[in-house]
C-alpha atoms as a PDB file:
ATOM      1  CA  UNK A   1      -0.418  -2.699   5.992  1.00  0.00           C
ATOM      2  CA  UNK A   2       2.551  -2.248   4.300  1.00  0.00           C
ATOM      3  CA  UNK A   3       4.981  -3.673   6.548  1.00  0.00           C
ATOM      4  CA  UNK A   4       2.933  -7.613   6.562  1.00  0.00           C
ATOM      5  CA  UNK A   5       3.038  -7.100   3.098  1.00  0.00           C
ATOM      6  CA  UNK A   6       7.288  -6.328   2.839  1.00  0.00           C
ATOM      7  CA  UNK A   7       8.187  -6.970   6.628  1.00  0.00           C
ATOM      8  CA  UNK A   8      10.024  -3.896   8.033  1.00  0.00           C
ATOM      9  CA  UNK A   9       9.499  -1.516   5.104  1.00  0.00           C
ATOM     10  CA  UNK A  10       8.497   1.211   7.511  1.00  0.00           C
ATOM     11  CA  UNK A  11       9.958   1.787  10.932  1.00  0.00           C
ATOM     12  CA  UNK A  12       7.703   1.792  13.476  1.00  0.00           C
ATOM     13  CA  UNK A  13       9.437   4.415  15.494  1.00  0.00           C
ATOM     14  CA  UNK A  14       8.471   6.954  12.643  1.00  0.00           C
ATOM     15  CA  UNK A  15       4.950   6.586  12.701  1.00  0.00           C
ATOM     16  CA  UNK A  16       3.026   9.279  14.579  1.00  0.00           C
ATOM     17  CA  UNK A  17       1.204   7.967  17.444  1.00  0.00           C
ATOM     18  CA  UNK A  18      -0.187  10.117  19.388  1.00  0.00           C
ATOM     19  CA  UNK A  19      -3.737  10.312  20.872  1.00  0.00           C
ATOM     20  CA  UNK A  20      -4.807  13.491  19.576  1.00  0.00           C
ATOM     21  CA  UNK A  21      -2.794  14.640  16.134  1.00  0.00           C
ATOM     22  CA  UNK A  22      -2.686  17.050  14.180  1.00  0.00           C
ATOM     23  CA  UNK A  23      -2.863  18.092  10.518  1.00  0.00           C
ATOM     24  CA  UNK A  24       0.423  17.863   9.936  1.00  0.00           C
ATOM     25  CA  UNK A  25       1.592  14.761  11.732  1.00  0.00           C
ATOM     26  CA  UNK A  26      -1.708  13.279   9.890  1.00  0.00           C
ATOM     27  CA  UNK A  27      -0.107  14.229   6.553  1.00  0.00           C
ATOM     28  CA  UNK A  28       3.188  13.303   8.048  1.00  0.00           C
ATOM     29  CA  UNK A  29       2.166   9.887   8.097  1.00  0.00           C
ATOM     30  CA  UNK A  30       0.473   9.621   4.589  1.00  0.00           C
ATOM     31  CA  UNK A  31       3.635  11.222   3.264  1.00  0.00           C
ATOM     32  CA  UNK A  32       5.543   7.636   5.386  1.00  0.00           C
ATOM     33  CA  UNK A  33       2.873   5.309   3.701  1.00  0.00           C
ATOM     34  CA  UNK A  34       3.477   6.994  -0.324  1.00  0.00           C
ATOM     35  CA  UNK A  35       7.081   6.789   0.178  1.00  0.00           C
ATOM     36  CA  UNK A  36       6.924   3.394   1.295  1.00  0.00           C
ATOM     37  CA  UNK A  37       4.757   2.143  -1.438  1.00  0.00           C
ATOM     38  CA  UNK A  38       7.110   3.326  -3.517  1.00  0.00           C
ATOM     39  CA  UNK A  39       9.392   1.827  -1.914  1.00  0.00           C
ATOM     40  CA  UNK A  40       8.054  -1.654  -2.577  1.00  0.00           C
ATOM     41  CA  UNK A  41       7.015  -1.494  -6.079  1.00  0.00           C
ATOM     42  CA  UNK A  42       3.515  -0.020  -6.517  1.00  0.00           C
ATOM     43  CA  UNK A  43       3.187   2.410  -8.812  1.00  0.00           C
ATOM     44  CA  UNK A  44       2.562   5.559  -7.365  1.00  0.00           C
ATOM     45  CA  UNK A  45       0.453   8.243 -10.023  1.00  0.00           C
ATOM     46  CA  UNK A  46      -0.973  11.150  -8.912  1.00  0.00           C
ATOM     47  CA  UNK A  47      -1.619   9.832  -5.509  1.00  0.00           C
ATOM     48  CA  UNK A  48      -0.250  11.878  -2.626  1.00  0.00           C
ATOM     49  CA  UNK A  49      -1.333  12.422   1.221  1.00  0.00           C
ATOM     50  CA  UNK A  50      -3.365  14.630   0.922  1.00  0.00           C
ATOM     51  CA  UNK A  51      -5.607  12.228  -1.310  1.00  0.00           C
ATOM     52  CA  UNK A  52      -5.459   9.418   1.358  1.00  0.00           C
ATOM     53  CA  UNK A  53      -6.192  11.612   4.077  1.00  0.00           C
ATOM     54  CA  UNK A  54      -9.079  12.961   2.292  1.00  0.00           C
ATOM     55  CA  UNK A  55     -10.505   9.316   2.016  1.00  0.00           C
ATOM     56  CA  UNK A  56     -10.825   9.545  -1.851  1.00  0.00           C
ATOM     57  CA  UNK A  57     -11.982   6.289  -2.482  1.00  0.00           C
ATOM     58  CA  UNK A  58     -11.120   5.008  -5.913  1.00  0.00           C
ATOM     59  CA  UNK A  59      -7.152   6.313  -4.742  1.00  0.00           C
ATOM     60  CA  UNK A  60      -7.188   4.850  -1.901  1.00  0.00           C
ATOM     61  CA  UNK A  61      -8.568   1.168  -3.383  1.00  0.00           C
ATOM     62  CA  UNK A  62      -5.969   1.708  -5.602  1.00  0.00           C
ATOM     63  CA  UNK A  63      -3.365   1.762  -3.795  1.00  0.00           C
ATOM     64  CA  UNK A  64      -4.679  -1.258  -1.381  1.00  0.00           C
ATOM     65  CA  UNK A  65      -4.671  -3.110  -4.229  1.00  0.00           C
ATOM     66  CA  UNK A  66      -1.094  -2.659  -5.684  1.00  0.00           C
ATOM     67  CA  UNK A  67      -0.047  -3.640  -1.980  1.00  0.00           C
ATOM     68  CA  UNK A  68      -1.773  -6.738  -1.755  1.00  0.00           C
ATOM     69  CA  UNK A  69      -1.040  -7.457  -5.106  1.00  0.00           C
ATOM     70  CA  UNK A  70       2.560  -6.870  -3.946  1.00  0.00           C
ATOM     71  CA  UNK A  71       2.308  -9.361  -1.072  1.00  0.00           C
ATOM     72  CA  UNK A  72       0.593 -11.684  -3.468  1.00  0.00           C
ATOM     73  CA  UNK A  73       3.624 -12.040  -6.146  1.00  0.00           C
ATOM     74  CA  UNK A  74       6.297 -12.704  -3.762  1.00  0.00           C
ATOM     75  CA  UNK A  75       4.077 -15.399  -1.523  1.00  0.00           C
ATOM     76  CA  UNK A  76       2.845 -17.211  -4.807  1.00  0.00           C
ATOM     77  CA  UNK A  77       4.536 -20.513  -5.555  1.00  0.00           C
ATOM     78  CA  UNK A  78       3.511 -20.056  -8.607  1.00  0.00           C
ATOM     79  CA  UNK A  79       5.975 -19.664 -11.264  1.00  0.00           C
ATOM     80  CA  UNK A  80       6.007 -16.138 -14.066  1.00  0.00           C
ATOM     81  CA  UNK A  81       4.560 -13.367 -12.534  1.00  0.00           C
ATOM     82  CA  UNK A  82       2.805 -13.354 -14.992  1.00  0.00           C
ATOM     83  CA  UNK A  83       1.317 -16.787 -14.465  1.00  0.00           C
ATOM     84  CA  UNK A  84       0.910 -14.863 -10.734  1.00  0.00           C
ATOM     85  CA  UNK A  85      -0.899 -11.837 -12.075  1.00  0.00           C
ATOM     86  CA  UNK A  86      -3.348 -13.897 -14.233  1.00  0.00           C
ATOM     87  CA  UNK A  87      -4.598 -16.398 -10.178  1.00  0.00           C
ATOM     88  CA  UNK A  88      -5.087 -13.007  -8.633  1.00  0.00           C
ATOM     89  CA  UNK A  89      -7.501 -11.471 -10.996  1.00  0.00           C
ATOM     90  CA  UNK A  90      -9.265 -13.731 -10.844  1.00  0.00           C
ATOM     91  CA  UNK A  91      -9.611 -14.798  -7.633  1.00  0.00           C
ATOM     92  CA  UNK A  92     -10.788 -10.896  -7.057  1.00  0.00           C
ATOM     93  CA  UNK A  93     -13.195 -10.610  -9.851  1.00  0.00           C
ATOM     94  CA  UNK A  94     -14.558 -14.039  -8.626  1.00  0.00           C
ATOM     95  CA  UNK A  95     -15.081 -12.811  -5.312  1.00  0.00           C
END
């Protein structure tokens, strides 16, 4: 999802893709996600790799929201970041 939002943020070779991943490799992938999300401009506060692997819904959804926001603010044709955020919030609240 991060690479869809900002291309080439995560090098595909850095992702562990074995059939059976150990807990350490899973946490390594989740650390890569958290660091990459911070690199593209997401506000990462009190979100760690353990939270993602445990599936804490409010933190996972908050991170996904921020990744979607980054993508929307980059691709929107309108000017002004405040206006873009207003449009995005309206779209999600209406749905």
